[in-house]
Each structure stands twice: as C-alpha cells, then as structure tokens.
Amino acid sequence: MKKLVILFTILCSNFILTAQSGIKGKVTDEKLEGLINANIRVMKKGVLVKGVVTDFDGNYTVQIDSGTYNI
C-alpha cells in the first residue's frame, strides 16, 4: 500500500520546468511529509535516461536536456 501511495504522489505532484531544463519536485507520503531516498527515474522511449534520489526533505532536482520524457 505504501508503494502505491508513493507512486500516486509522484504522478500527481506538480513538476516545475526550470530555465536550466531541469525538473524540481517533492515526494510526500499520505501525511504530506517528505520521503527520504525515493527514486526518481527519467525515461525516454522506455529507456532510463537519468535517475536521482530525494533528499532528507523529499526534494529532488533532475537536470536534463530538452525532449519528451516520462517521469
């Protein structure tokens, strides 16, 4: 159940495109507390392009080049 909540939170979180072609976000649990060490994977056409892990507060930033990605 916890994995489902994490996945749902990631899919529903607001991703912000930065000027540096980066994506910032925060992964939270059902109590809106940041999740430590959650994996964020950036995929392009089914292939892993980049992966990062959330920090102590559940925040992450992924720097990518422009293109169409699934996060």
N, C-alpha and C. Protein backbone atom coordinates (compact mmCIF):
# COMPACT_ATOMS: atom_id res chain seq x y z
N MET A 1 0.82 -1.20 0.00
CA MET A 1 0.00 0.00 0.00
C MET A 1 0.86 1.26 0.00
N LYS A 2 1.97 1.22 0.77
CA LYS A 2 2.84 2.39 0.85
C LYS A 2 3.45 2.71 -0.52
N LYS A 3 3.83 1.66 -1.29
CA LYS A 3 4.39 1.88 -2.62
C LYS A 3 3.35 2.51 -3.54
N LEU A 4 2.10 2.10 -3.40
CA LEU A 4 1.03 2.68 -4.21
C LEU A 4 0.84 4.15 -3.89
N VAL A 5 0.89 4.51 -2.61
CA VAL A 5 0.75 5.90 -2.19
C VAL A 5 1.91 6.73 -2.74
N ILE A 6 3.12 6.18 -2.67
CA ILE A 6 4.29 6.90 -3.19
C ILE A 6 4.16 7.12 -4.68
N LEU A 7 3.79 6.08 -5.42
CA LEU A 7 3.62 6.19 -6.87
C LEU A 7 2.54 7.21 -7.21
N PHE A 8 1.43 7.16 -6.51
CA PHE A 8 0.34 8.11 -6.74
C PHE A 8 0.80 9.54 -6.49
N THR A 9 1.55 9.73 -5.40
CA THR A 9 2.04 11.06 -5.05
C THR A 9 2.98 11.59 -6.12
N ILE A 10 3.87 10.73 -6.61
CA ILE A 10 4.80 11.14 -7.66
C ILE A 10 4.04 11.53 -8.92
N LEU A 11 3.07 10.73 -9.30
CA LEU A 11 2.32 11.00 -10.52
C LEU A 11 1.47 12.26 -10.41
N CYS A 12 1.01 12.56 -9.20
CA CYS A 12 0.14 13.72 -9.02
C CYS A 12 0.88 14.99 -8.61
N SER A 13 2.16 14.86 -8.28
CA SER A 13 2.88 16.06 -7.86
C SER A 13 3.10 16.99 -9.03
N ASN A 14 3.26 18.25 -8.72
CA ASN A 14 3.48 19.25 -9.77
C ASN A 14 4.94 19.32 -10.10
N PHE A 15 5.27 19.09 -11.37
CA PHE A 15 6.64 19.18 -11.82
C PHE A 15 6.84 20.56 -12.42
N ILE A 16 7.93 21.20 -12.02
CA ILE A 16 8.22 22.55 -12.48
C ILE A 16 9.43 22.51 -13.40
N LEU A 17 9.25 22.97 -14.63
CA LEU A 17 10.37 23.05 -15.55
C LEU A 17 11.15 24.31 -15.25
N THR A 18 12.41 24.18 -15.00
CA THR A 18 13.24 25.33 -14.73
C THR A 18 13.89 25.82 -16.01
N ALA A 19 14.48 27.00 -15.97
CA ALA A 19 15.14 27.57 -17.13
C ALA A 19 16.35 26.75 -17.57
N GLN A 20 16.89 25.95 -16.68
CA GLN A 20 18.06 25.14 -16.99
C GLN A 20 17.68 23.75 -17.48
N SER A 21 16.49 23.59 -17.99
CA SER A 21 15.99 22.29 -18.44
C SER A 21 16.05 21.26 -17.32
N GLY A 22 15.61 21.68 -16.16
CA GLY A 22 15.59 20.79 -15.01
C GLY A 22 14.17 20.62 -14.51
N ILE A 23 13.99 19.59 -13.71
CA ILE A 23 12.69 19.33 -13.11
C ILE A 23 12.90 19.27 -11.61
N LYS A 24 12.08 20.02 -10.89
CA LYS A 24 12.13 20.02 -9.43
C LYS A 24 10.82 19.49 -8.90
N GLY A 25 10.87 18.86 -7.76
CA GLY A 25 9.64 18.36 -7.17
C GLY A 25 9.88 17.89 -5.75
N LYS A 26 8.82 17.40 -5.14
CA LYS A 26 8.89 16.87 -3.78
C LYS A 26 8.00 15.64 -3.71
N VAL A 27 8.53 14.59 -3.13
CA VAL A 27 7.77 13.35 -2.95
C VAL A 27 7.34 13.30 -1.50
N THR A 28 6.03 13.13 -1.29
CA THR A 28 5.48 13.10 0.06
C THR A 28 4.66 11.85 0.29
N ASP A 29 4.43 11.52 1.56
CA ASP A 29 3.57 10.40 1.90
C ASP A 29 2.15 10.91 2.14
N GLU A 30 1.29 10.05 2.63
CA GLU A 30 -0.10 10.42 2.85
C GLU A 30 -0.28 11.49 3.92
N LYS A 31 0.73 11.70 4.75
CA LYS A 31 0.69 12.76 5.77
C LYS A 31 1.38 14.03 5.28
N LEU A 32 1.74 14.07 3.99
CA LEU A 32 2.42 15.18 3.34
C LEU A 32 3.80 15.45 3.91
N GLU A 33 4.42 14.40 4.47
CA GLU A 33 5.79 14.50 4.95
C GLU A 33 6.72 14.03 3.84
N GLY A 34 7.85 14.71 3.68
CA GLY A 34 8.80 14.37 2.62
C GLY A 34 9.38 12.98 2.81
N LEU A 35 9.50 12.24 1.71
CA LEU A 35 10.07 10.90 1.76
C LEU A 35 11.55 10.93 1.42
N ILE A 36 12.35 10.33 2.26
CA ILE A 36 13.80 10.28 2.08
C ILE A 36 14.14 9.11 1.16
N ASN A 37 15.09 9.31 0.27
CA ASN A 37 15.64 8.27 -0.61
C ASN A 37 14.62 7.64 -1.56
N ALA A 38 13.60 8.39 -1.97
CA ALA A 38 12.69 7.90 -3.00
C ALA A 38 13.39 8.01 -4.35
N ASN A 39 13.24 7.02 -5.20
CA ASN A 39 13.89 7.02 -6.51
C ASN A 39 13.03 7.74 -7.55
N ILE A 40 13.66 8.64 -8.29
CA ILE A 40 13.01 9.34 -9.40
C ILE A 40 13.73 8.89 -10.66
N ARG A 41 12.97 8.37 -11.62
CA ARG A 41 13.57 7.89 -12.86
C ARG A 41 13.02 8.69 -14.03
N VAL A 42 13.91 9.14 -14.90
CA VAL A 42 13.53 9.85 -16.12
C VAL A 42 13.70 8.88 -17.27
N MET A 43 12.61 8.64 -17.99
CA MET A 43 12.61 7.67 -19.08
C MET A 43 12.35 8.38 -20.41
N LYS A 44 12.97 7.90 -21.46
CA LYS A 44 12.69 8.38 -22.81
C LYS A 44 12.54 7.16 -23.70
N LYS A 45 11.33 6.99 -24.24
CA LYS A 45 11.01 5.84 -25.08
C LYS A 45 11.32 4.53 -24.39
N GLY A 46 11.00 4.46 -23.11
CA GLY A 46 11.17 3.23 -22.34
C GLY A 46 12.58 2.96 -21.86
N VAL A 47 13.50 3.89 -22.09
CA VAL A 47 14.89 3.71 -21.68
C VAL A 47 15.22 4.70 -20.57
N LEU A 48 15.88 4.21 -19.52
CA LEU A 48 16.28 5.07 -18.42
C LEU A 48 17.33 6.07 -18.89
N VAL A 49 17.03 7.36 -18.71
CA VAL A 49 17.96 8.42 -19.11
C VAL A 49 18.74 8.91 -17.91
N LYS A 50 18.07 9.10 -16.80
CA LYS A 50 18.72 9.61 -15.59
C LYS A 50 17.87 9.22 -14.39
N GLY A 51 18.54 9.06 -13.27
CA GLY A 51 17.85 8.77 -12.03
C GLY A 51 18.45 9.58 -10.89
N VAL A 52 17.61 10.01 -9.97
CA VAL A 52 18.07 10.73 -8.78
C VAL A 52 17.30 10.20 -7.57
N VAL A 53 17.77 10.57 -6.40
CA VAL A 53 17.15 10.17 -5.14
C VAL A 53 16.77 11.43 -4.38
N THR A 54 15.64 11.39 -3.68
CA THR A 54 15.21 12.56 -2.92
C THR A 54 16.11 12.78 -1.71
N ASP A 55 16.16 14.04 -1.28
CA ASP A 55 16.98 14.40 -0.12
C ASP A 55 16.21 14.16 1.18
N PHE A 56 16.72 14.68 2.27
CA PHE A 56 16.14 14.47 3.60
C PHE A 56 14.70 14.97 3.70
N ASP A 57 14.36 16.02 2.94
CA ASP A 57 13.02 16.59 2.98
C ASP A 57 12.11 16.08 1.86
N GLY A 58 12.60 15.16 1.03
CA GLY A 58 11.80 14.62 -0.07
C GLY A 58 11.93 15.41 -1.36
N ASN A 59 12.82 16.40 -1.39
CA ASN A 59 13.01 17.22 -2.60
C ASN A 59 13.97 16.56 -3.58
N TYR A 60 13.78 16.85 -4.86
CA TYR A 60 14.70 16.38 -5.88
C TYR A 60 14.79 17.39 -7.01
N THR A 61 15.89 17.34 -7.74
CA THR A 61 16.10 18.13 -8.95
C THR A 61 16.79 17.24 -9.96
N VAL A 62 16.25 17.21 -11.16
CA VAL A 62 16.84 16.43 -12.24
C VAL A 62 17.20 17.39 -13.36
N GLN A 63 18.46 17.42 -13.75
CA GLN A 63 18.90 18.24 -14.88
C GLN A 63 18.89 17.37 -16.14
N ILE A 64 18.13 17.80 -17.15
CA ILE A 64 18.03 17.03 -18.39
C ILE A 64 18.09 17.98 -19.58
N ASP A 65 18.43 17.43 -20.73
CA ASP A 65 18.35 18.22 -21.95
C ASP A 65 16.91 18.19 -22.45
N SER A 66 16.58 19.07 -23.37
CA SER A 66 15.20 19.17 -23.83
C SER A 66 14.79 17.92 -24.60
N GLY A 67 13.52 17.65 -24.59
CA GLY A 67 12.97 16.47 -25.27
C GLY A 67 11.71 16.01 -24.55
N THR A 68 11.15 14.93 -25.02
CA THR A 68 9.94 14.38 -24.42
C THR A 68 10.33 13.25 -23.49
N TYR A 69 9.94 13.37 -22.23
CA TYR A 69 10.31 12.39 -21.23
C TYR A 69 9.10 11.95 -20.44
N ASN A 70 9.17 10.75 -19.89
CA ASN A 70 8.18 10.25 -18.93
C ASN A 70 8.88 10.16 -17.58
N ILE A 71 8.26 10.77 -16.57
CA ILE A 71 8.90 10.79 -15.25
C ILE A 71 8.04 9.98 -14.28
